[in-house]
Amino acid sequence: MQRSTRQRTAIRAAIAAAGRPLSPQEVLDQARTEVPALGLATVYRNLRLLLEDGEIQGVNLPGDNVRYELAGHDHHHHFQCTQCQRVFDIHACPGDLQRLAPPGFSVEAHDLTLYGLCADCRGST
């Protein structure tokens, strides 16, 4: 367990308050409301430490950089807005996808990402 710093507290709070996976830049933008002089290198360093401590987890989407959310979520999926690029949690799952696998194959895990327009971007079009 690492010692808590003002920067780390602001970064953890930014991720918690967002309620959705954030990119390092989004973490920086949010955490700067508490620590205005915060820099991107400090964000990356603290994200690594928070990952090591198990407080946050990475969200890897195809063709995108890792984003971060609080650890401890039950199995869930994601929605990425194709306009603003924000990512949102989907707390639903289609369930067992074994029926989609070729005969003789065994599905051990799955990940699902939906793409489209979020409510904010859909409302602005």
N, C-alpha and C. Protein backbone atom coordinates (compact mmCIF):
# COMPACT_ATOMS: atom_id res chain seq x y z
N MET A 1 0.85 -1.18 0.00
CA MET A 1 0.00 0.00 0.00
C MET A 1 0.89 1.24 0.00
N GLN A 2 0.66 2.12 -0.95
CA GLN A 2 1.42 3.35 -1.07
C GLN A 2 0.83 4.41 -0.14
N ARG A 3 1.65 5.36 0.24
CA ARG A 3 1.12 6.46 1.05
C ARG A 3 0.21 7.32 0.18
N SER A 4 -0.80 7.87 0.81
CA SER A 4 -1.75 8.69 0.08
C SER A 4 -1.21 10.12 -0.03
N THR A 5 -1.30 10.68 -1.20
CA THR A 5 -0.89 12.06 -1.43
C THR A 5 -2.10 12.84 -1.92
N ARG A 6 -1.97 14.14 -1.89
CA ARG A 6 -3.06 14.99 -2.38
C ARG A 6 -3.37 14.68 -3.84
N GLN A 7 -2.32 14.47 -4.65
CA GLN A 7 -2.51 14.16 -6.06
C GLN A 7 -3.24 12.83 -6.23
N ARG A 8 -2.79 11.80 -5.51
CA ARG A 8 -3.40 10.48 -5.63
C ARG A 8 -4.86 10.52 -5.17
N THR A 9 -5.12 11.25 -4.11
CA THR A 9 -6.49 11.39 -3.62
C THR A 9 -7.37 12.06 -4.67
N ALA A 10 -6.86 13.09 -5.32
CA ALA A 10 -7.63 13.79 -6.36
C ALA A 10 -7.86 12.89 -7.57
N ILE A 11 -6.88 12.09 -7.94
CA ILE A 11 -7.00 11.18 -9.08
C ILE A 11 -8.02 10.10 -8.78
N ARG A 12 -7.93 9.49 -7.60
CA ARG A 12 -8.89 8.46 -7.19
C ARG A 12 -10.30 9.04 -7.14
N ALA A 13 -10.44 10.24 -6.60
CA ALA A 13 -11.75 10.89 -6.51
C ALA A 13 -12.32 11.20 -7.88
N ALA A 14 -11.48 11.61 -8.81
CA ALA A 14 -11.93 11.91 -10.18
C ALA A 14 -12.50 10.66 -10.83
N ILE A 15 -11.81 9.54 -10.66
CA ILE A 15 -12.28 8.27 -11.25
C ILE A 15 -13.58 7.84 -10.58
N ALA A 16 -13.66 7.95 -9.27
CA ALA A 16 -14.87 7.56 -8.55
C ALA A 16 -16.06 8.43 -8.93
N ALA A 17 -15.84 9.72 -9.03
CA ALA A 17 -16.94 10.65 -9.33
C ALA A 17 -17.47 10.48 -10.74
N ALA A 18 -16.61 10.08 -11.66
CA ALA A 18 -17.02 9.97 -13.06
C ALA A 18 -18.05 8.87 -13.25
N GLY A 19 -17.91 7.77 -12.53
CA GLY A 19 -18.85 6.67 -12.69
C GLY A 19 -18.74 5.98 -14.03
N ARG A 20 -17.64 6.19 -14.73
CA ARG A 20 -17.39 5.58 -16.03
C ARG A 20 -15.89 5.53 -16.24
N PRO A 21 -15.41 4.68 -17.13
CA PRO A 21 -13.97 4.62 -17.38
C PRO A 21 -13.43 5.93 -17.97
N LEU A 22 -12.31 6.38 -17.45
CA LEU A 22 -11.69 7.63 -17.91
C LEU A 22 -10.33 7.37 -18.53
N SER A 23 -10.02 8.14 -19.55
CA SER A 23 -8.67 8.14 -20.13
C SER A 23 -7.77 8.93 -19.18
N PRO A 24 -6.45 8.75 -19.28
CA PRO A 24 -5.55 9.55 -18.45
C PRO A 24 -5.78 11.06 -18.61
N GLN A 25 -6.06 11.51 -19.82
CA GLN A 25 -6.32 12.94 -20.02
C GLN A 25 -7.60 13.37 -19.31
N GLU A 26 -8.64 12.53 -19.35
CA GLU A 26 -9.88 12.85 -18.63
C GLU A 26 -9.64 12.87 -17.12
N VAL A 27 -8.81 11.95 -16.64
CA VAL A 27 -8.46 11.94 -15.21
C VAL A 27 -7.75 13.25 -14.86
N LEU A 28 -6.80 13.64 -15.69
CA LEU A 28 -6.06 14.89 -15.46
C LEU A 28 -7.02 16.07 -15.42
N ASP A 29 -7.90 16.18 -16.42
CA ASP A 29 -8.83 17.30 -16.48
C ASP A 29 -9.71 17.38 -15.24
N GLN A 30 -10.20 16.23 -14.77
CA GLN A 30 -11.07 16.21 -13.60
C GLN A 30 -10.29 16.48 -12.30
N ALA A 31 -9.12 15.86 -12.17
CA ALA A 31 -8.34 15.99 -10.94
C ALA A 31 -7.77 17.40 -10.78
N ARG A 32 -7.59 18.10 -11.88
CA ARG A 32 -7.07 19.47 -11.78
C ARG A 32 -8.04 20.43 -11.08
N THR A 33 -9.29 20.05 -10.95
CA THR A 33 -10.22 20.90 -10.18
C THR A 33 -9.80 20.93 -8.71
N GLU A 34 -9.12 19.86 -8.24
CA GLU A 34 -8.63 19.80 -6.85
C GLU A 34 -7.16 20.17 -6.73
N VAL A 35 -6.37 19.83 -7.75
CA VAL A 35 -4.92 20.08 -7.73
C VAL A 35 -4.56 20.74 -9.07
N PRO A 36 -4.70 22.06 -9.17
CA PRO A 36 -4.52 22.74 -10.45
C PRO A 36 -3.17 22.53 -11.12
N ALA A 37 -2.09 22.32 -10.35
CA ALA A 37 -0.75 22.18 -10.94
C ALA A 37 -0.44 20.73 -11.33
N LEU A 38 -1.39 19.85 -11.23
CA LEU A 38 -1.19 18.43 -11.56
C LEU A 38 -0.76 18.27 -13.01
N GLY A 39 0.20 17.38 -13.26
CA GLY A 39 0.69 17.13 -14.60
C GLY A 39 0.37 15.72 -15.06
N LEU A 40 0.43 15.50 -16.36
CA LEU A 40 0.09 14.20 -16.93
C LEU A 40 1.05 13.09 -16.46
N ALA A 41 2.33 13.39 -16.30
CA ALA A 41 3.28 12.38 -15.82
C ALA A 41 2.90 11.92 -14.41
N THR A 42 2.45 12.83 -13.57
CA THR A 42 2.02 12.48 -12.22
C THR A 42 0.77 11.63 -12.27
N VAL A 43 -0.14 11.94 -13.20
CA VAL A 43 -1.34 11.12 -13.36
C VAL A 43 -0.95 9.70 -13.73
N TYR A 44 -0.09 9.53 -14.73
CA TYR A 44 0.33 8.19 -15.14
C TYR A 44 1.01 7.44 -13.99
N ARG A 45 1.88 8.09 -13.26
CA ARG A 45 2.57 7.45 -12.14
C ARG A 45 1.57 6.98 -11.08
N ASN A 46 0.61 7.83 -10.77
CA ASN A 46 -0.37 7.46 -9.75
C ASN A 46 -1.37 6.43 -10.24
N LEU A 47 -1.71 6.46 -11.53
CA LEU A 47 -2.57 5.40 -12.07
C LEU A 47 -1.88 4.05 -11.92
N ARG A 48 -0.58 4.01 -12.21
CA ARG A 48 0.17 2.76 -12.06
C ARG A 48 0.14 2.28 -10.62
N LEU A 49 0.34 3.20 -9.66
CA LEU A 49 0.32 2.82 -8.25
C LEU A 49 -1.07 2.37 -7.81
N LEU A 50 -2.10 3.05 -8.27
CA LEU A 50 -3.47 2.65 -7.92
C LEU A 50 -3.81 1.28 -8.51
N LEU A 51 -3.29 1.01 -9.72
CA LEU A 51 -3.46 -0.32 -10.31
C LEU A 51 -2.76 -1.38 -9.47
N GLU A 52 -1.53 -1.10 -9.08
CA GLU A 52 -0.76 -2.05 -8.27
C GLU A 52 -1.44 -2.33 -6.93
N ASP A 53 -2.06 -1.31 -6.36
CA ASP A 53 -2.76 -1.46 -5.08
C ASP A 53 -4.14 -2.10 -5.23
N GLY A 54 -4.58 -2.28 -6.48
CA GLY A 54 -5.88 -2.90 -6.73
C GLY A 54 -7.06 -1.98 -6.51
N GLU A 55 -6.82 -0.67 -6.46
CA GLU A 55 -7.92 0.28 -6.25
C GLU A 55 -8.65 0.61 -7.54
N ILE A 56 -7.96 0.52 -8.67
CA ILE A 56 -8.57 0.76 -9.97
C ILE A 56 -8.23 -0.40 -10.89
N GLN A 57 -8.93 -0.46 -12.01
CA GLN A 57 -8.63 -1.47 -13.02
C GLN A 57 -8.64 -0.82 -14.38
N GLY A 58 -7.88 -1.40 -15.29
CA GLY A 58 -7.82 -0.91 -16.65
C GLY A 58 -8.97 -1.45 -17.48
N VAL A 59 -9.43 -0.64 -18.40
CA VAL A 59 -10.45 -1.04 -19.37
C VAL A 59 -9.81 -0.93 -20.74
N ASN A 60 -9.64 -2.07 -21.39
CA ASN A 60 -9.00 -2.11 -22.70
C ASN A 60 -10.05 -2.31 -23.77
N LEU A 61 -10.20 -1.33 -24.64
CA LEU A 61 -11.12 -1.42 -25.76
C LEU A 61 -10.33 -1.58 -27.04
N PRO A 62 -10.85 -2.34 -27.99
CA PRO A 62 -10.12 -2.54 -29.25
C PRO A 62 -9.76 -1.21 -29.92
N GLY A 63 -8.49 -1.07 -30.29
CA GLY A 63 -8.04 0.10 -31.02
C GLY A 63 -8.00 1.39 -30.22
N ASP A 64 -8.04 1.29 -28.90
CA ASP A 64 -8.07 2.49 -28.07
C ASP A 64 -7.06 2.34 -26.93
N ASN A 65 -6.66 3.46 -26.34
CA ASN A 65 -5.78 3.43 -25.19
C ASN A 65 -6.55 2.98 -23.96
N VAL A 66 -5.83 2.46 -22.99
CA VAL A 66 -6.47 1.99 -21.76
C VAL A 66 -7.14 3.15 -21.03
N ARG A 67 -8.26 2.83 -20.43
CA ARG A 67 -9.00 3.76 -19.57
C ARG A 67 -9.07 3.13 -18.20
N TYR A 68 -9.50 3.90 -17.20
CA TYR A 68 -9.45 3.41 -15.83
C TYR A 68 -10.78 3.63 -15.13
N GLU A 69 -11.15 2.63 -14.29
CA GLU A 69 -12.34 2.72 -13.48
C GLU A 69 -12.03 2.10 -12.13
N LEU A 70 -12.89 2.35 -11.15
CA LEU A 70 -12.69 1.76 -9.84
C LEU A 70 -12.72 0.24 -9.95
N ALA A 71 -11.93 -0.42 -9.15
CA ALA A 71 -11.92 -1.88 -9.13
C ALA A 71 -13.16 -2.38 -8.39
N GLY A 72 -13.45 -3.65 -8.60
CA GLY A 72 -14.53 -4.27 -7.85
C GLY A 72 -15.85 -4.35 -8.59
N HIS A 73 -15.89 -3.92 -9.83
CA HIS A 73 -17.12 -4.03 -10.60
C HIS A 73 -17.42 -5.50 -10.87
N ASP A 74 -18.67 -5.85 -10.83
CA ASP A 74 -19.06 -7.17 -11.30
C ASP A 74 -18.87 -7.20 -12.81
N HIS A 75 -18.99 -8.37 -13.40
CA HIS A 75 -18.86 -8.52 -14.85
C HIS A 75 -19.77 -7.51 -15.55
N HIS A 76 -19.18 -6.75 -16.47
CA HIS A 76 -19.97 -5.76 -17.21
C HIS A 76 -19.27 -5.48 -18.54
N HIS A 77 -19.93 -4.70 -19.38
CA HIS A 77 -19.42 -4.37 -20.71
C HIS A 77 -19.39 -2.86 -20.86
N HIS A 78 -19.07 -2.39 -22.06
CA HIS A 78 -18.89 -0.95 -22.27
C HIS A 78 -19.55 -0.46 -23.55
N PHE A 79 -19.84 0.83 -23.55
CA PHE A 79 -20.38 1.55 -24.70
C PHE A 79 -19.42 2.70 -24.96
N GLN A 80 -18.97 2.85 -26.21
CA GLN A 80 -18.11 3.97 -26.56
C GLN A 80 -18.83 4.85 -27.57
N CYS A 81 -18.89 6.14 -27.25
CA CYS A 81 -19.51 7.10 -28.16
C CYS A 81 -18.56 7.35 -29.33
N THR A 82 -19.06 7.22 -30.53
CA THR A 82 -18.23 7.41 -31.72
C THR A 82 -17.97 8.88 -32.02
N GLN A 83 -18.68 9.77 -31.33
CA GLN A 83 -18.46 11.20 -31.56
C GLN A 83 -17.51 11.80 -30.53
N CYS A 84 -17.82 11.65 -29.24
CA CYS A 84 -16.98 12.26 -28.20
C CYS A 84 -15.94 11.30 -27.64
N GLN A 85 -16.02 10.04 -28.00
CA GLN A 85 -15.08 8.99 -27.59
C GLN A 85 -15.17 8.61 -26.11
N ARG A 86 -16.13 9.18 -25.37
CA ARG A 86 -16.27 8.77 -23.96
C ARG A 86 -16.74 7.32 -23.90
N VAL A 87 -16.40 6.66 -22.81
CA VAL A 87 -16.76 5.27 -22.59
C VAL A 87 -17.66 5.19 -21.35
N PHE A 88 -18.70 4.37 -21.44
CA PHE A 88 -19.67 4.22 -20.36
C PHE A 88 -19.81 2.74 -20.01
N ASP A 89 -20.10 2.45 -18.75
CA ASP A 89 -20.35 1.08 -18.33
C ASP A 89 -21.74 0.64 -18.74
N ILE A 90 -21.85 -0.62 -19.10
CA ILE A 90 -23.15 -1.26 -19.36
C ILE A 90 -23.24 -2.39 -18.35
N HIS A 91 -24.16 -2.28 -17.43
CA HIS A 91 -24.31 -3.31 -16.39
C HIS A 91 -25.36 -4.33 -16.80
N ALA A 92 -25.14 -4.89 -17.97
CA ALA A 92 -25.98 -5.96 -18.49
C ALA A 92 -25.07 -6.85 -19.32
N CYS A 93 -25.51 -8.06 -19.56
CA CYS A 93 -24.69 -9.00 -20.30
C CYS A 93 -25.61 -9.95 -21.06
N PRO A 94 -25.25 -10.27 -22.30
CA PRO A 94 -26.08 -11.22 -23.05
C PRO A 94 -25.99 -12.64 -22.50
N GLY A 95 -25.06 -12.88 -21.59
CA GLY A 95 -24.97 -14.20 -20.97
C GLY A 95 -24.06 -15.14 -21.72
N ASP A 96 -24.39 -16.41 -21.63
CA ASP A 96 -23.57 -17.48 -22.21
C ASP A 96 -23.55 -17.37 -23.73
N LEU A 97 -22.38 -17.19 -24.29
CA LEU A 97 -22.24 -17.04 -25.74
C LEU A 97 -21.73 -18.32 -26.40
N GLN A 98 -21.81 -19.43 -25.71
CA GLN A 98 -21.34 -20.69 -26.26
C GLN A 98 -22.03 -21.01 -27.58
N ARG A 99 -23.29 -20.63 -27.71
CA ARG A 99 -24.06 -20.93 -28.92
C ARG A 99 -23.48 -20.25 -30.17
N LEU A 100 -22.67 -19.20 -29.99
CA LEU A 100 -22.07 -18.50 -31.11
C LEU A 100 -20.74 -19.11 -31.55
N ALA A 101 -20.17 -19.93 -30.70
CA ALA A 101 -18.87 -20.53 -31.00
C ALA A 101 -19.01 -21.64 -32.04
N PRO A 102 -17.98 -21.86 -32.85
CA PRO A 102 -18.02 -22.97 -33.80
C PRO A 102 -18.18 -24.31 -33.06
N PRO A 103 -18.77 -25.28 -33.69
CA PRO A 103 -18.93 -26.59 -33.06
C PRO A 103 -17.58 -27.13 -32.57
N GLY A 104 -17.56 -27.64 -31.37
CA GLY A 104 -16.35 -28.21 -30.79
C GLY A 104 -15.47 -27.21 -30.06
N PHE A 105 -15.79 -25.93 -30.15
CA PHE A 105 -15.02 -24.91 -29.46
C PHE A 105 -15.63 -24.68 -28.08
N SER A 106 -14.84 -24.15 -27.16
CA SER A 106 -15.32 -23.87 -25.81
C SER A 106 -15.06 -22.40 -25.49
N VAL A 107 -16.11 -21.65 -25.20
CA VAL A 107 -15.98 -20.24 -24.82
C VAL A 107 -15.62 -20.18 -23.33
N GLU A 108 -14.51 -19.49 -23.03
CA GLU A 108 -14.07 -19.37 -21.65
C GLU A 108 -14.33 -17.98 -21.08
N ALA A 109 -14.43 -16.98 -21.95
CA ALA A 109 -14.69 -15.60 -21.50
C ALA A 109 -15.18 -14.81 -22.70
N HIS A 110 -15.71 -13.63 -22.44
CA HIS A 110 -16.13 -12.75 -23.52
C HIS A 110 -16.04 -11.30 -23.07
N ASP A 111 -15.97 -10.43 -24.05
CA ASP A 111 -15.96 -8.99 -23.81
C ASP A 111 -16.79 -8.38 -24.91
N LEU A 112 -17.61 -7.44 -24.56
CA LEU A 112 -18.54 -6.84 -25.52
C LEU A 112 -18.44 -5.33 -25.41
N THR A 113 -18.27 -4.66 -26.54
CA THR A 113 -18.26 -3.20 -26.58
C THR A 113 -19.28 -2.76 -27.63
N LEU A 114 -20.18 -1.90 -27.21
CA LEU A 114 -21.15 -1.31 -28.13
C LEU A 114 -20.65 0.06 -28.55
N TYR A 115 -20.95 0.45 -29.78
CA TYR A 115 -20.52 1.74 -30.32
C TYR A 115 -21.73 2.48 -30.86
N GLY A 116 -21.76 3.77 -30.67
CA GLY A 116 -22.84 4.61 -31.18
C GLY A 116 -22.72 5.99 -30.58
N LEU A 117 -23.83 6.70 -30.47
CA LEU A 117 -23.82 8.05 -29.91
C LEU A 117 -24.37 8.03 -28.50
N CYS A 118 -23.66 8.70 -27.58
CA CYS A 118 -24.15 8.83 -26.22
C CYS A 118 -25.34 9.80 -26.20
N ALA A 119 -26.01 9.90 -25.09
CA ALA A 119 -27.19 10.76 -24.99
C ALA A 119 -26.84 12.22 -25.28
N ASP A 120 -25.69 12.69 -24.78
CA ASP A 120 -25.27 14.09 -25.00
C ASP A 120 -25.04 14.35 -26.50
N CYS A 121 -24.30 13.47 -27.15
CA CYS A 121 -23.98 13.68 -28.57
C CYS A 121 -25.21 13.46 -29.44
N ARG A 122 -26.04 12.53 -29.08
CA ARG A 122 -27.26 12.28 -29.86
C ARG A 122 -28.19 13.49 -29.79
N GLY A 123 -28.21 14.12 -28.62
CA GLY A 123 -29.06 15.31 -28.45
C GLY A 123 -28.56 16.53 -29.19
N SER A 124 -27.26 16.55 -29.52
CA SER A 124 -26.70 17.71 -30.20
C SER A 124 -26.73 17.58 -31.71
N THR A 125 -27.23 16.44 -32.22
CA THR A 125 -27.29 16.27 -33.69
C THR A 125 -28.67 16.58 -34.22
